[in-house]
């Protein structure tokens, strides 16, 4: 797909982190951008900054877990700009779950699935039929994670399960679009290859009451800075991928018609090979031993 001046990109989770970086990059490429986020204050700030840089922007406060709000976002985008060419289903949250899986609160799973899985599905349902009807080339980019999308991360199992679901959803979407013979593609994004400075670590700040935790946490939430300090104090070197590099991966992937937006990483390749070989050998998942020994 060719990205051209005047096309329209919709990005959820656009007020910060990866979403904002994608919106900025699309704007720099000459696209009009539709920003959606649940955090109204941060969204307003992001929209102002983009407009100051000369971008044409529509911003809407949206909880992607609510289908009606995503449908309303699509209505607003088409009313304002008449078309959508790129849809980035990027909004995501951590769950805040603690302990073993059988100890988790049901609301930890409900909230994570509502945003990370249902939010992607709502975006697909709200936008894809209209993108197909428009008859123009387009792209849907769904944000997954190596933590679950490539291999399980048992220490964050709720999040990992949702991100695994995003991969399968996007594979199915790809097949359905191909079967329709339309000029619209699908891609799954794995941000990285290293850690990212995003608001995911503070997801709990936007947790709605309907998914509230039912009992106090055993340990306080830890910010990214606190986690990084603890890791460095323990002698572990931490590398970070700039969010701008992720946005560049998305733009390059759209232009190259690439399904797997997966940056080169020997760590990821090892995980893929180990998991695939375990399945081919019908063997126990030895690649999880480091977690089992914790």
Protein backbone atom coordinates (compact mmCIF):
# COMPACT_ATOMS: atom_id res chain seq x y z
CA UNK A 1 0.00 0.00 0.00
CA UNK A 2 1.24 3.46 -0.89
CA UNK A 3 0.89 6.12 1.79
CA UNK A 4 -0.13 9.43 0.23
CA UNK A 5 -0.91 12.98 1.24
CA UNK A 6 -4.52 13.35 2.33
CA UNK A 7 -5.17 9.75 3.33
CA UNK A 8 -6.66 9.09 6.76
CA UNK A 9 -5.24 7.03 9.62
CA UNK A 10 -7.16 6.06 12.77
CA UNK A 11 -5.14 5.15 15.86
CA UNK A 12 -6.55 3.91 19.16
CA UNK A 13 -4.54 4.31 22.33
CA UNK A 14 -3.19 7.41 20.58
CA UNK A 15 -2.60 9.76 23.53
CA UNK A 16 0.82 8.40 24.44
CA UNK A 17 3.48 5.80 23.77
CA UNK A 18 3.32 3.73 20.60
CA UNK A 19 -0.05 5.15 19.55
CA UNK A 20 1.11 8.75 19.69
CA UNK A 21 4.34 7.86 17.88
CA UNK A 22 2.32 6.24 15.08
CA UNK A 23 0.01 9.24 14.84
CA UNK A 24 2.99 11.61 14.61
CA UNK A 25 4.63 9.50 11.91
CA UNK A 26 1.42 9.27 9.87
CA UNK A 27 1.01 13.05 10.15
CA UNK A 28 4.62 13.54 9.02
CA UNK A 29 3.77 11.42 5.96
CA UNK A 30 0.95 13.82 5.15
CA UNK A 31 -1.98 11.76 6.43
CA UNK A 32 -4.91 13.14 8.37
CA UNK A 33 -5.07 11.46 11.75
CA UNK A 34 -7.93 10.38 13.99
CA UNK A 35 -6.82 9.97 17.59
CA UNK A 36 -8.81 7.85 20.04
CA UNK A 37 -7.96 7.30 23.68
CA UNK A 38 -9.73 6.78 26.99
CA UNK A 39 -7.58 9.41 28.74
CA UNK A 40 -9.16 12.76 27.84
CA UNK A 41 -6.47 15.10 29.18
CA UNK A 42 -3.56 13.34 27.51
CA UNK A 43 -5.58 13.02 24.30
CA UNK A 44 -6.24 16.75 24.19
CA UNK A 45 -2.56 17.50 24.70
CA UNK A 46 -1.53 15.09 21.92
CA UNK A 47 -4.05 16.59 19.51
CA UNK A 48 -2.87 20.14 20.24
CA UNK A 49 0.76 19.21 19.65
CA UNK A 50 -0.04 17.56 16.33
CA UNK A 51 -2.11 20.54 15.17
CA UNK A 52 0.72 22.89 16.12
CA UNK A 53 2.95 20.81 13.85
CA UNK A 54 0.50 21.33 10.99
CA UNK A 55 -1.45 18.07 11.08
CA UNK A 56 -5.16 17.78 10.39
CA UNK A 57 -6.51 16.02 13.47
CA UNK A 58 -9.76 14.65 14.85
CA UNK A 59 -9.61 13.54 18.49
CA UNK A 60 -12.26 11.52 20.30
CA UNK A 61 -12.37 10.14 23.84
CA UNK A 62 -13.17 6.45 23.37
CA UNK A 63 -13.25 3.35 25.54
CA UNK A 64 -12.58 0.65 22.94
CA UNK A 65 -14.14 -1.99 25.19
CA UNK A 66 -17.51 -0.32 24.50
CA UNK A 67 -18.76 -1.27 21.02
CA UNK A 68 -21.06 1.75 20.70
CA UNK A 69 -18.18 4.13 21.38
CA UNK A 70 -16.06 2.58 18.64
CA UNK A 71 -18.98 2.70 16.21
CA UNK A 72 -19.41 6.37 17.09
CA UNK A 73 -15.68 6.89 16.45
CA UNK A 74 -16.10 5.45 12.95
CA UNK A 75 -19.10 7.71 12.32
CA UNK A 76 -17.08 10.75 13.42
CA UNK A 77 -14.07 9.80 11.30
CA UNK A 78 -16.12 9.32 8.15
CA UNK A 79 -18.16 12.46 8.77
CA UNK A 80 -14.98 14.52 9.21
CA UNK A 81 -12.79 13.05 6.48
CA UNK A 82 -14.98 10.87 4.25
CA UNK A 83 -12.67 7.86 4.28
CA UNK A 84 -10.27 5.76 6.37
CA UNK A 85 -7.23 4.11 4.84
CA UNK A 86 -5.24 2.91 7.86
CA UNK A 87 -6.69 1.54 11.09
CA UNK A 88 -4.35 0.85 14.00
CA UNK A 89 -6.08 -1.10 16.77
CA UNK A 90 -3.43 -0.26 19.33
CA UNK A 91 -5.15 0.41 22.68
CA UNK A 92 -4.11 -2.05 25.36
CA UNK A 93 -3.87 -2.57 29.12
CA UNK A 94 -2.11 -4.77 31.62
CA UNK A 95 -4.42 -6.67 33.94
CA UNK A 96 -2.98 -6.11 37.41
CA UNK A 97 -3.36 -9.81 38.20
CA UNK A 98 -1.16 -11.32 40.94
CA UNK A 99 -0.14 -14.81 41.86
CA UNK A 100 -0.98 -18.08 40.14
CA UNK A 101 -3.68 -18.22 37.49
CA UNK A 102 -6.17 -19.91 39.79
CA UNK A 103 -5.74 -17.05 42.26
CA UNK A 104 -6.58 -14.30 39.76
CA UNK A 105 -9.70 -12.21 40.06
CA UNK A 106 -12.22 -12.66 37.28
CA UNK A 107 -12.26 -8.90 36.72
CA UNK A 108 -8.54 -8.95 35.85
CA UNK A 109 -9.36 -11.21 32.91
CA UNK A 110 -12.58 -9.43 31.99
CA UNK A 111 -10.91 -6.01 31.79
CA UNK A 112 -7.88 -7.20 29.82
CA UNK A 113 -10.05 -9.08 27.33
CA UNK A 114 -12.50 -6.18 27.04
CA UNK A 115 -9.75 -3.81 25.89
CA UNK A 116 -7.06 -6.00 24.32
CA UNK A 117 -9.30 -8.45 22.45
CA UNK A 118 -12.81 -7.01 22.22
CA UNK A 119 -11.33 -3.58 21.51
CA UNK A 120 -9.58 -4.94 18.42
CA UNK A 121 -12.72 -6.76 17.30
CA UNK A 122 -14.83 -3.64 17.78
CA UNK A 123 -12.39 -1.70 15.60
CA UNK A 124 -12.61 -4.34 12.88
CA UNK A 125 -16.40 -4.36 12.92
CA UNK A 126 -16.74 -0.58 13.00
CA UNK A 127 -14.28 0.27 10.24
CA UNK A 128 -13.57 -2.65 7.91
CA UNK A 129 -16.99 -2.81 6.17
CA UNK A 130 -16.76 0.91 5.37
CA UNK A 131 -13.15 0.60 4.24
CA UNK A 132 -14.18 -2.21 1.88
CA UNK A 133 -17.11 -0.18 0.57
CA UNK A 134 -14.76 2.73 -0.12
CA UNK A 135 -12.92 0.61 -2.66
CA UNK A 136 -9.50 2.10 -1.89
CA UNK A 137 -6.33 0.42 -0.70
CA UNK A 138 -6.15 0.12 3.06
CA UNK A 139 -4.45 -1.53 6.00
CA UNK A 140 -5.50 -2.76 9.43
CA UNK A 141 -2.65 -3.01 11.95
CA UNK A 142 -3.39 -4.81 15.22
CA UNK A 143 -0.93 -4.43 18.08
CA UNK A 144 0.12 -7.69 19.74
CA UNK A 145 3.25 -8.34 21.81
CA UNK A 146 6.08 -10.84 21.88
CA UNK A 147 4.81 -11.53 25.42
CA UNK A 148 2.07 -13.92 24.36
CA UNK A 149 1.98 -13.26 20.64
CA UNK A 150 5.24 -15.14 20.11
CA UNK A 151 5.55 -17.25 23.25
CA UNK A 152 3.70 -17.42 26.57
CA UNK A 153 4.78 -15.17 29.43
CA UNK A 154 3.44 -17.04 32.46
CA UNK A 155 4.38 -14.23 34.85
CA UNK A 156 1.89 -12.00 32.99
CA UNK A 157 -0.46 -14.70 31.79
CA UNK A 158 -3.60 -12.59 31.39
CA UNK A 159 -1.87 -10.05 29.17
CA UNK A 160 -0.07 -12.81 27.25
CA UNK A 161 -3.29 -14.69 26.53
CA UNK A 162 -4.95 -11.56 25.13
CA UNK A 163 -1.98 -10.79 22.90
CA UNK A 164 -1.95 -14.34 21.60
CA UNK A 165 -5.62 -13.90 20.71
CA UNK A 166 -4.79 -10.76 18.73
CA UNK A 167 -2.40 -12.75 16.53
CA UNK A 168 -5.02 -15.38 15.71
CA UNK A 169 -7.66 -12.71 15.13
CA UNK A 170 -5.37 -10.91 12.69
CA UNK A 171 -4.46 -14.11 10.85
CA UNK A 172 -8.17 -14.82 10.43
CA UNK A 173 -8.82 -11.24 9.31
CA UNK A 174 -6.04 -11.56 6.72
CA UNK A 175 -7.64 -14.71 5.31
CA UNK A 176 -11.11 -13.16 5.21
CA UNK A 177 -9.86 -10.06 3.39
CA UNK A 178 -7.98 -12.20 0.87
CA UNK A 179 -11.09 -14.30 0.29
CA UNK A 180 -13.07 -11.12 -0.48
CA UNK A 181 -10.46 -10.03 -3.01
CA UNK A 182 -10.36 -6.48 -1.67
CA UNK A 183 -7.31 -4.15 -1.71
CA UNK A 184 -7.11 -4.09 2.08
CA UNK A 185 -4.46 -5.92 4.05
CA UNK A 186 -3.95 -6.91 7.66
CA UNK A 187 -0.83 -6.83 9.79
CA UNK A 188 0.07 -7.83 13.33
CA UNK A 189 2.53 -5.56 15.13
CA UNK A 190 5.06 -6.79 17.68
CA UNK A 191 6.55 -3.63 19.22
CA UNK A 192 10.21 -3.99 20.04
CA UNK A 193 12.57 -5.75 19.89
CA UNK A 194 13.44 -4.34 23.34
CA UNK A 195 11.45 -2.86 26.22
CA UNK A 196 9.32 0.19 25.51
CA UNK A 197 8.56 3.28 27.52
CA UNK A 198 4.78 3.33 27.37
CA UNK A 199 1.86 3.88 29.72
CA UNK A 200 1.10 0.16 29.87
CA UNK A 201 2.78 -0.05 33.27
CA UNK A 202 0.26 2.44 34.66
CA UNK A 203 -2.83 0.95 33.01
CA UNK A 204 -4.60 0.78 36.38
CA UNK A 205 -5.02 4.57 36.37
CA UNK A 206 -7.78 4.17 33.76
CA UNK A 207 -9.39 0.98 35.08
CA UNK A 208 -13.19 1.45 35.01
CA UNK A 209 -15.34 0.73 38.04
CA UNK A 210 -17.20 -2.10 36.36
CA UNK A 211 -13.92 -4.04 36.24
CA UNK A 212 -12.62 -2.90 39.64
CA UNK A 213 -10.45 -5.21 41.70
CA UNK A 214 -12.39 -7.05 44.36
CA UNK A 215 -9.60 -7.16 46.94
CA UNK A 216 -6.51 -5.08 47.69
CA UNK A 217 -3.29 -5.96 45.89
CA UNK A 218 -0.72 -7.85 47.92
CA UNK A 219 2.01 -5.61 46.51
CA UNK A 220 1.79 -2.01 45.23
CA UNK A 221 1.74 -1.34 41.52
CA UNK A 222 5.26 -0.74 40.26
CA UNK A 223 6.08 1.93 37.69
CA UNK A 224 8.44 1.33 34.80
CA UNK A 225 11.06 3.54 36.45
CA UNK A 226 10.84 1.50 39.64
CA UNK A 227 11.11 -1.77 37.74
CA UNK A 228 14.06 -0.49 35.73
CA UNK A 229 15.85 0.66 38.89
CA UNK A 230 15.32 -2.73 40.52
CA UNK A 231 16.60 -4.58 37.46
CA UNK A 232 19.71 -2.42 37.19
CA UNK A 233 20.36 -2.79 40.92
CA UNK A 234 20.27 -6.56 40.39
CA UNK A 235 22.88 -6.22 37.66
CA UNK A 236 20.58 -6.71 34.66
CA UNK A 237 21.18 -4.46 31.64
CA UNK A 238 17.94 -3.11 30.15
CA UNK A 239 17.62 -1.98 26.54
CA UNK A 240 14.77 0.17 25.26
CA UNK A 241 13.37 0.55 21.76
CA UNK A 242 12.26 4.12 21.00
CA UNK A 243 8.55 4.30 20.22
CA UNK A 244 9.51 6.24 17.08
CA UNK A 245 11.28 3.11 15.82
CA UNK A 246 8.06 1.15 16.27
CA UNK A 247 6.15 3.77 14.27
CA UNK A 248 8.78 3.51 11.51
CA UNK A 249 8.33 -0.29 11.50
CA UNK A 250 4.60 0.22 10.96
CA UNK A 251 5.02 2.68 8.09
CA UNK A 252 7.66 0.50 6.42
CA UNK A 253 5.47 -2.58 6.92
CA UNK A 254 2.44 -0.92 5.35
CA UNK A 255 4.47 0.12 2.32
CA UNK A 256 5.94 -3.38 1.98
CA UNK A 257 2.53 -5.09 2.43
CA UNK A 258 4.02 -7.00 5.37
CA UNK A 259 1.79 -9.14 7.59
CA UNK A 260 4.35 -9.81 10.34
CA UNK A 261 5.54 -6.44 11.64
CA UNK A 262 8.19 -8.18 13.69
CA UNK A 263 11.58 -6.46 14.02
CA UNK A 264 14.70 -8.56 13.71
CA UNK A 265 15.63 -10.11 17.05
CA UNK A 266 17.60 -13.24 17.83
CA UNK A 267 15.70 -13.50 21.13
CA UNK A 268 12.36 -13.61 19.32
CA UNK A 269 13.72 -16.03 16.74
CA UNK A 270 14.91 -18.38 19.49
CA UNK A 271 11.47 -18.30 21.10
CA UNK A 272 9.74 -19.01 17.79
CA UNK A 273 12.08 -21.90 16.97
CA UNK A 274 11.86 -23.42 20.46
CA UNK A 275 8.09 -23.28 20.60
CA UNK A 276 7.63 -24.57 17.06
CA UNK A 277 10.08 -27.43 17.65
CA UNK A 278 8.33 -28.41 20.85
CA UNK A 279 5.06 -28.70 18.93
CA UNK A 280 6.64 -30.61 16.04
CA UNK A 281 8.27 -33.02 18.52
CA UNK A 282 5.07 -33.34 20.58
CA UNK A 283 7.33 -32.52 23.53
CA UNK A 284 6.75 -30.69 26.79
CA UNK A 285 7.31 -26.91 26.56
CA UNK A 286 10.90 -26.86 27.83
CA UNK A 287 11.16 -23.22 26.71
CA UNK A 288 9.09 -22.37 29.82
CA UNK A 289 11.57 -23.91 32.26
CA UNK A 290 12.94 -20.56 33.40
CA UNK A 291 9.44 -19.61 34.57
CA UNK A 292 8.77 -23.02 36.13
CA UNK A 293 11.93 -22.67 38.22
CA UNK A 294 10.90 -19.24 39.58
